[in-house]
Amino acid sequence: MAPHENPRKPVVRKLFQNEESNEDENIAEHFNALVERTAQELAQEMQMAREKWNFDFENETPLEGDWEWEKVEN
């Protein structure tokens, strides 16, 4: 190989989106799936915390269970 030859392949970059591409739809689908999965995980975490602490954090009310809650005034 001659010293002036570059063995690397040239880099190709896509600067503009092809109008026929459905890339935006794929991004939206992935985003919606991520939002749904995150909401499901949050609901599971809230349920586990509700069971552990016998407290409804969404409605800010104590539930029956091992812990005894009392309201404290500031």
PDB file of N, CA and C in Angstrom:
ATOM      1  N   MET A   1       0.856  -1.172   0.000  1.00  0.00           N
ATOM      2  CA  MET A   1       0.000   0.000   0.000  1.00  0.00           C
ATOM      3  C   MET A   1       0.901   1.233   0.000  1.00  0.00           C
ATOM      4  N   ALA A   2       0.550   2.174  -0.783  1.00  0.00           N
ATOM      5  CA  ALA A   2       1.329   3.409  -0.874  1.00  0.00           C
ATOM      6  C   ALA A   2       1.042   4.287   0.331  1.00  0.00           C
ATOM      7  N   PRO A   3       1.986   5.114   0.777  1.00  0.00           N
ATOM      8  CA  PRO A   3       1.787   5.940   1.970  1.00  0.00           C
ATOM      9  C   PRO A   3       0.660   6.954   1.835  1.00  0.00           C
ATOM     10  N   HIS A   4       0.272   7.326   0.653  1.00  0.00           N
ATOM     11  CA  HIS A   4      -0.775   8.334   0.477  1.00  0.00           C
ATOM     12  C   HIS A   4      -2.177   7.739   0.427  1.00  0.00           C
ATOM     13  N   GLU A   5      -2.313   6.431   0.391  1.00  0.00           N
ATOM     14  CA  GLU A   5      -3.621   5.784   0.348  1.00  0.00           C
ATOM     15  C   GLU A   5      -4.172   5.625   1.766  1.00  0.00           C
ATOM     16  N   ASN A   6      -5.450   5.861   1.933  1.00  0.00           N
ATOM     17  CA  ASN A   6      -6.110   5.737   3.233  1.00  0.00           C
ATOM     18  C   ASN A   6      -6.847   4.403   3.274  1.00  0.00           C
ATOM     19  N   PRO A   7      -6.504   3.492   4.193  1.00  0.00           N
ATOM     20  CA  PRO A   7      -7.170   2.184   4.229  1.00  0.00           C
ATOM     21  C   PRO A   7      -8.591   2.242   4.792  1.00  0.00           C
ATOM     22  N   ARG A   8      -8.973   3.334   5.401  1.00  0.00           N
ATOM     23  CA  ARG A   8     -10.308   3.447   6.002  1.00  0.00           C
ATOM     24  C   ARG A   8     -11.352   3.794   4.950  1.00  0.00           C
ATOM     25  N   LYS A   9     -12.561   3.333   5.218  1.00  0.00           N
ATOM     26  CA  LYS A   9     -13.665   3.667   4.322  1.00  0.00           C
ATOM     27  C   LYS A   9     -14.159   5.070   4.654  1.00  0.00           C
ATOM     28  N   PRO A  10     -14.689   5.790   3.689  1.00  0.00           N
ATOM     29  CA  PRO A  10     -15.187   7.137   3.973  1.00  0.00           C
ATOM     30  C   PRO A  10     -16.452   7.085   4.834  1.00  0.00           C
ATOM     31  N   VAL A  11     -16.655   8.114   5.611  1.00  0.00           N
ATOM     32  CA  VAL A  11     -17.829   8.214   6.471  1.00  0.00           C
ATOM     33  C   VAL A  11     -18.961   8.838   5.668  1.00  0.00           C
ATOM     34  N   VAL A  12     -20.144   8.246   5.768  1.00  0.00           N
ATOM     35  CA  VAL A  12     -21.314   8.772   5.077  1.00  0.00           C
ATOM     36  C   VAL A  12     -22.305   9.216   6.134  1.00  0.00           C
ATOM     37  N   ARG A  13     -22.770  10.428   6.024  1.00  0.00           N
ATOM     38  CA  ARG A  13     -23.735  10.974   6.983  1.00  0.00           C
ATOM     39  C   ARG A  13     -25.019  11.343   6.261  1.00  0.00           C
ATOM     40  N   LYS A  14     -26.113  11.103   6.939  1.00  0.00           N
ATOM     41  CA  LYS A  14     -27.412  11.468   6.387  1.00  0.00           C
ATOM     42  C   LYS A  14     -27.790  12.824   6.982  1.00  0.00           C
ATOM     43  N   LEU A  15     -27.746  13.852   6.178  1.00  0.00           N
ATOM     44  CA  LEU A  15     -28.003  15.198   6.674  1.00  0.00           C
ATOM     45  C   LEU A  15     -29.483  15.563   6.628  1.00  0.00           C
ATOM     46  N   PHE A  16     -30.215  15.010   5.684  1.00  0.00           N
ATOM     47  CA  PHE A  16     -31.629  15.345   5.533  1.00  0.00           C
ATOM     48  C   PHE A  16     -32.437  14.064   5.462  1.00  0.00           C
ATOM     49  N   GLN A  17     -33.631  14.104   6.058  1.00  0.00           N
ATOM     50  CA  GLN A  17     -34.483  12.922   6.072  1.00  0.00           C
ATOM     51  C   GLN A  17     -35.176  12.772   4.731  1.00  0.00           C
ATOM     52  N   ASN A  18     -35.240  11.560   4.268  1.00  0.00           N
ATOM     53  CA  ASN A  18     -35.955  11.246   3.048  1.00  0.00           C
ATOM     54  C   ASN A  18     -37.450  11.378   3.322  1.00  0.00           C
ATOM     55  N   GLU A  19     -38.174  12.025   2.438  1.00  0.00           N
ATOM     56  CA  GLU A  19     -39.618  12.224   2.654  1.00  0.00           C
ATOM     57  C   GLU A  19     -40.380  10.910   2.692  1.00  0.00           C
ATOM     58  N   GLU A  20     -39.875   9.898   2.026  1.00  0.00           N
ATOM     59  CA  GLU A  20     -40.540   8.605   1.990  1.00  0.00           C
ATOM     60  C   GLU A  20     -40.257   7.786   3.244  1.00  0.00           C
ATOM     61  N   SER A  21     -39.358   8.261   4.069  1.00  0.00           N
ATOM     62  CA  SER A  21     -38.959   7.506   5.264  1.00  0.00           C
ATOM     63  C   SER A  21     -40.063   7.547   6.306  1.00  0.00           C
ATOM     64  N   ASN A  22     -40.217   6.463   7.041  1.00  0.00           N
ATOM     65  CA  ASN A  22     -41.186   6.422   8.137  1.00  0.00           C
ATOM     66  C   ASN A  22     -40.449   6.520   9.471  1.00  0.00           C
ATOM     67  N   GLU A  23     -39.297   7.187   9.464  1.00  0.00           N
ATOM     68  CA  GLU A  23     -38.473   7.306  10.664  1.00  0.00           C
ATOM     69  C   GLU A  23     -39.227   8.018  11.794  1.00  0.00           C
ATOM     70  N   ASP A  24     -39.992   9.061  11.452  1.00  0.00           N
ATOM     71  CA  ASP A  24     -40.759   9.779  12.479  1.00  0.00           C
ATOM     72  C   ASP A  24     -41.780   8.866  13.137  1.00  0.00           C
ATOM     73  N   GLU A  25     -42.412   8.000  12.355  1.00  0.00           N
ATOM     74  CA  GLU A  25     -43.387   7.065  12.913  1.00  0.00           C
ATOM     75  C   GLU A  25     -42.705   6.086  13.860  1.00  0.00           C
ATOM     76  N   ASN A  26     -41.519   5.609  13.483  1.00  0.00           N
ATOM     77  CA  ASN A  26     -40.778   4.683  14.341  1.00  0.00           C
ATOM     78  C   ASN A  26     -40.389   5.356  15.652  1.00  0.00           C
ATOM     79  N   ILE A  27     -39.962   6.599  15.570  1.00  0.00           N
ATOM     80  CA  ILE A  27     -39.592   7.342  16.778  1.00  0.00           C
ATOM     81  C   ILE A  27     -40.813   7.510  17.669  1.00  0.00           C
ATOM     82  N   ALA A  28     -41.944   7.858  17.091  1.00  0.00           N
ATOM     83  CA  ALA A  28     -43.172   8.043  17.865  1.00  0.00           C
ATOM     84  C   ALA A  28     -43.604   6.730  18.516  1.00  0.00           C
ATOM     85  N   GLU A  29     -43.487   5.619  17.781  1.00  0.00           N
ATOM     86  CA  GLU A  29     -43.858   4.317  18.346  1.00  0.00           C
ATOM     87  C   GLU A  29     -42.956   3.955  19.519  1.00  0.00           C
ATOM     88  N   HIS A  30     -41.663   4.180  19.364  1.00  0.00           N
ATOM     89  CA  HIS A  30     -40.725   3.882  20.445  1.00  0.00           C
ATOM     90  C   HIS A  30     -40.989   4.772  21.654  1.00  0.00           C
ATOM     91  N   PHE A  31     -41.282   6.041  21.401  1.00  0.00           N
ATOM     92  CA  PHE A  31     -41.572   6.971  22.492  1.00  0.00           C
ATOM     93  C   PHE A  31     -42.834   6.549  23.233  1.00  0.00           C
ATOM     94  N   ASN A  32     -43.883   6.215  22.487  1.00  0.00           N
ATOM     95  CA  ASN A  32     -45.138   5.796  23.118  1.00  0.00           C
ATOM     96  C   ASN A  32     -44.947   4.509  23.916  1.00  0.00           C
ATOM     97  N   ALA A  33     -44.159   3.579  23.393  1.00  0.00           N
ATOM     98  CA  ALA A  33     -43.887   2.340  24.122  1.00  0.00           C
ATOM     99  C   ALA A  33     -43.113   2.634  25.398  1.00  0.00           C
ATOM    100  N   LEU A  34     -42.167   3.554  25.328  1.00  0.00           N
ATOM    101  CA  LEU A  34     -41.390   3.936  26.507  1.00  0.00           C
ATOM    102  C   LEU A  34     -42.281   4.579  27.561  1.00  0.00           C
ATOM    103  N   VAL A  35     -43.173   5.466  27.149  1.00  0.00           N
ATOM    104  CA  VAL A  35     -44.090   6.120  28.082  1.00  0.00           C
ATOM    105  C   VAL A  35     -44.999   5.090  28.743  1.00  0.00           C
ATOM    106  N   GLU A  36     -45.522   4.161  27.955  1.00  0.00           N
ATOM    107  CA  GLU A  36     -46.410   3.126  28.502  1.00  0.00           C
ATOM    108  C   GLU A  36     -45.677   2.228  29.493  1.00  0.00           C
ATOM    109  N   ARG A  37     -44.465   1.814  29.120  1.00  0.00           N
ATOM    110  CA  ARG A  37     -43.670   0.949  29.999  1.00  0.00           C
ATOM    111  C   ARG A  37     -43.313   1.675  31.297  1.00  0.00           C
ATOM    112  N   THR A  38     -42.980   2.946  31.197  1.00  0.00           N
ATOM    113  CA  THR A  38     -42.655   3.738  32.382  1.00  0.00           C
ATOM    114  C   THR A  38     -43.875   3.886  33.281  1.00  0.00           C
ATOM    115  N   ALA A  39     -45.035   4.115  32.707  1.00  0.00           N
ATOM    116  CA  ALA A  39     -46.267   4.232  33.491  1.00  0.00           C
ATOM    117  C   ALA A  39     -46.587   2.919  34.208  1.00  0.00           C
ATOM    118  N   GLN A  40     -46.372   1.795  33.525  1.00  0.00           N
ATOM    119  CA  GLN A  40     -46.609   0.495  34.148  1.00  0.00           C
ATOM    120  C   GLN A  40     -45.652   0.260  35.315  1.00  0.00           C
ATOM    121  N   GLU A  41     -44.385   0.600  35.118  1.00  0.00           N
ATOM    122  CA  GLU A  41     -43.399   0.421  36.189  1.00  0.00           C
ATOM    123  C   GLU A  41     -43.708   1.327  37.378  1.00  0.00           C
ATOM    124  N   LEU A  42     -44.140   2.545  37.106  1.00  0.00           N
ATOM    125  CA  LEU A  42     -44.512   3.462  38.186  1.00  0.00           C
ATOM    126  C   LEU A  42     -45.713   2.924  38.956  1.00  0.00           C
ATOM    127  N   ALA A  43     -46.689   2.386  38.250  1.00  0.00           N
ATOM    128  CA  ALA A  43     -47.860   1.812  38.913  1.00  0.00           C
ATOM    129  C   ALA A  43     -47.455   0.632  39.793  1.00  0.00           C
ATOM    130  N   GLN A  44     -46.523  -0.187  39.318  1.00  0.00           N
ATOM    131  CA  GLN A  44     -46.053  -1.316  40.123  1.00  0.00           C
ATOM    132  C   GLN A  44     -45.322  -0.825  41.370  1.00  0.00           C
ATOM    133  N   GLU A  45     -44.485   0.194  41.210  1.00  0.00           N
ATOM    134  CA  GLU A  45     -43.760   0.757  42.352  1.00  0.00           C
ATOM    135  C   GLU A  45     -44.730   1.356  43.374  1.00  0.00           C
ATOM    136  N   MET A  46     -45.750   2.044  42.890  1.00  0.00           N
ATOM    137  CA  MET A  46     -46.745   2.637  43.797  1.00  0.00           C
ATOM    138  C   MET A  46     -47.498   1.544  44.553  1.00  0.00           C
ATOM    139  N   GLN A  47     -47.832   0.445  43.876  1.00  0.00           N
ATOM    140  CA  GLN A  47     -48.531  -0.660  44.526  1.00  0.00           C
ATOM    141  C   GLN A  47     -47.647  -1.300  45.592  1.00  0.00           C
ATOM    142  N   MET A  48     -46.368  -1.487  45.284  1.00  0.00           N
ATOM    143  CA  MET A  48     -45.456  -2.080  46.266  1.00  0.00           C
ATOM    144  C   MET A  48     -45.295  -1.157  47.480  1.00  0.00           C
ATOM    145  N   ALA A  49     -45.189   0.150  47.249  1.00  0.00           N
ATOM    146  CA  ALA A  49     -45.068   1.096  48.356  1.00  0.00           C
ATOM    147  C   ALA A  49     -46.355   1.126  49.182  1.00  0.00           C
ATOM    148  N   ARG A  50     -47.512   1.045  48.517  1.00  0.00           N
ATOM    149  CA  ARG A  50     -48.815   1.033  49.207  1.00  0.00           C
ATOM    150  C   ARG A  50     -48.897  -0.172  50.141  1.00  0.00           C
ATOM    151  N   GLU A  51     -48.466  -1.333  49.641  1.00  0.00           N
ATOM    152  CA  GLU A  51     -48.509  -2.547  50.454  1.00  0.00           C
ATOM    153  C   GLU A  51     -47.485  -2.512  51.582  1.00  0.00           C
ATOM    154  N   LYS A  52     -46.312  -1.971  51.310  1.00  0.00           N
ATOM    155  CA  LYS A  52     -45.254  -1.935  52.316  1.00  0.00           C
ATOM    156  C   LYS A  52     -45.598  -0.980  53.455  1.00  0.00           C
ATOM    157  N   TRP A  53     -46.100   0.197  53.135  1.00  0.00           N
ATOM    158  CA  TRP A  53     -46.316   1.244  54.132  1.00  0.00           C
ATOM    159  C   TRP A  53     -47.780   1.413  54.530  1.00  0.00           C
ATOM    160  N   ASN A  54     -48.672   0.602  53.980  1.00  0.00           N
ATOM    161  CA  ASN A  54     -50.122   0.736  54.160  1.00  0.00           C
ATOM    162  C   ASN A  54     -50.552   2.207  54.131  1.00  0.00           C
ATOM    163  N   PHE A  55     -50.135   2.852  53.030  1.00  0.00           N
ATOM    164  CA  PHE A  55     -50.480   4.260  52.819  1.00  0.00           C
ATOM    165  C   PHE A  55     -50.735   4.466  51.336  1.00  0.00           C
ATOM    166  N   ASP A  56     -51.831   5.164  51.031  1.00  0.00           N
ATOM    167  CA  ASP A  56     -52.166   5.483  49.645  1.00  0.00           C
ATOM    168  C   ASP A  56     -51.512   6.820  49.312  1.00  0.00           C
ATOM    169  N   PHE A  57     -50.377   6.770  48.628  1.00  0.00           N
ATOM    170  CA  PHE A  57     -49.615   7.980  48.333  1.00  0.00           C
ATOM    171  C   PHE A  57     -50.300   8.861  47.295  1.00  0.00           C
ATOM    172  N   GLU A  58     -51.106   8.276  46.440  1.00  0.00           N
ATOM    173  CA  GLU A  58     -51.809   9.067  45.426  1.00  0.00           C
ATOM    174  C   GLU A  58     -52.884   9.941  46.062  1.00  0.00           C
ATOM    175  N   ASN A  59     -53.626   9.373  47.022  1.00  0.00           N
ATOM    176  CA  ASN A  59     -54.703  10.113  47.681  1.00  0.00           C
ATOM    177  C   ASN A  59     -54.291  10.661  49.039  1.00  0.00           C
ATOM    178  N   GLU A  60     -53.057  10.357  49.429  1.00  0.00           N
ATOM    179  CA  GLU A  60     -52.504  10.818  50.703  1.00  0.00           C
ATOM    180  C   GLU A  60     -53.388  10.435  51.890  1.00  0.00           C
ATOM    181  N   THR A  61     -53.749   9.140  51.923  1.00  0.00           N
ATOM    182  CA  THR A  61     -54.571   8.641  53.021  1.00  0.00           C
ATOM    183  C   THR A  61     -53.967   7.342  53.572  1.00  0.00           C
ATOM    184  N   PRO A  62     -54.007   7.173  54.892  1.00  0.00           N
ATOM    185  CA  PRO A  62     -53.510   5.927  55.478  1.00  0.00           C
ATOM    186  C   PRO A  62     -54.472   4.772  55.200  1.00  0.00           C
ATOM    187  N   LEU A  63     -53.929   3.576  55.164  1.00  0.00           N
ATOM    188  CA  LEU A  63     -54.719   2.370  54.957  1.00  0.00           C
ATOM    189  C   LEU A  63     -54.555   1.472  56.177  1.00  0.00           C
ATOM    190  N   GLU A  64     -55.404   0.471  56.295  1.00  0.00           N
ATOM    191  CA  GLU A  64     -55.291  -0.483  57.391  1.00  0.00           C
ATOM    192  C   GLU A  64     -54.057  -1.348  57.165  1.00  0.00           C
ATOM    193  N   GLY A  65     -53.313  -1.608  58.250  1.00  0.00           N
ATOM    194  CA  GLY A  65     -52.141  -2.455  58.111  1.00  0.00           C
ATOM    195  C   GLY A  65     -51.242  -2.375  59.327  1.00  0.00           C
ATOM    196  N   ASP A  66     -49.991  -2.740  59.143  1.00  0.00           N
ATOM    197  CA  ASP A  66     -49.026  -2.802  60.238  1.00  0.00           C
ATOM    198  C   ASP A  66     -48.654  -1.437  60.798  1.00  0.00           C
ATOM    199  N   TRP A  67     -48.671  -0.424  59.975  1.00  0.00           N
ATOM    200  CA  TRP A  67     -48.265   0.908  60.415  1.00  0.00           C
ATOM    201  C   TRP A  67     -49.459   1.698  60.924  1.00  0.00           C
ATOM    202  N   GLU A  68     -49.231   2.505  61.923  1.00  0.00           N
ATOM    203  CA  GLU A  68     -50.277   3.372  62.459  1.00  0.00           C
ATOM    204  C   GLU A  68     -49.879   4.813  62.135  1.00  0.00           C
ATOM    205  N   TRP A  69     -50.715   5.450  61.342  1.00  0.00           N
ATOM    206  CA  TRP A  69     -50.413   6.804  60.887  1.00  0.00           C
ATOM    207  C   TRP A  69     -51.204   7.817  61.699  1.00  0.00           C
ATOM    208  N   GLU A  70     -50.587   8.954  61.980  1.00  0.00           N
ATOM    209  CA  GLU A  70     -51.302  10.047  62.627  1.00  0.00           C
ATOM    210  C   GLU A  70     -50.890  11.354  61.974  1.00  0.00           C
ATOM    211  N   LYS A  71     -51.841  12.249  61.852  1.00  0.00           N
ATOM    212  CA  LYS A  71     -51.589  13.528  61.204  1.00  0.00           C
ATOM    213  C   LYS A  71     -50.842  14.463  62.174  1.00  0.00           C
ATOM    214  N   VAL A  72     -49.844  15.155  61.646  1.00  0.00           N
ATOM    215  CA  VAL A  72     -49.062  16.100  62.448  1.00  0.00           C
ATOM    216  C   VAL A  72     -49.288  17.486  61.883  1.00  0.00           C
ATOM    217  N   GLU A  73     -49.617  18.419  62.757  1.00  0.00           N
ATOM    218  CA  GLU A  73     -49.822  19.805  62.345  1.00  0.00           C
ATOM    219  C   GLU A  73     -48.490  20.535  62.355  1.00  0.00           C
ATOM    220  N   ASN A  74     -48.316  21.488  61.463  1.00  0.00           N
ATOM    221  CA  ASN A  74     -47.069  22.268  61.412  1.00  0.00           C
ATOM    222  C   ASN A  74     -46.970  23.233  62.561  1.00  0.00           C
TER     223      ASN A  74
END
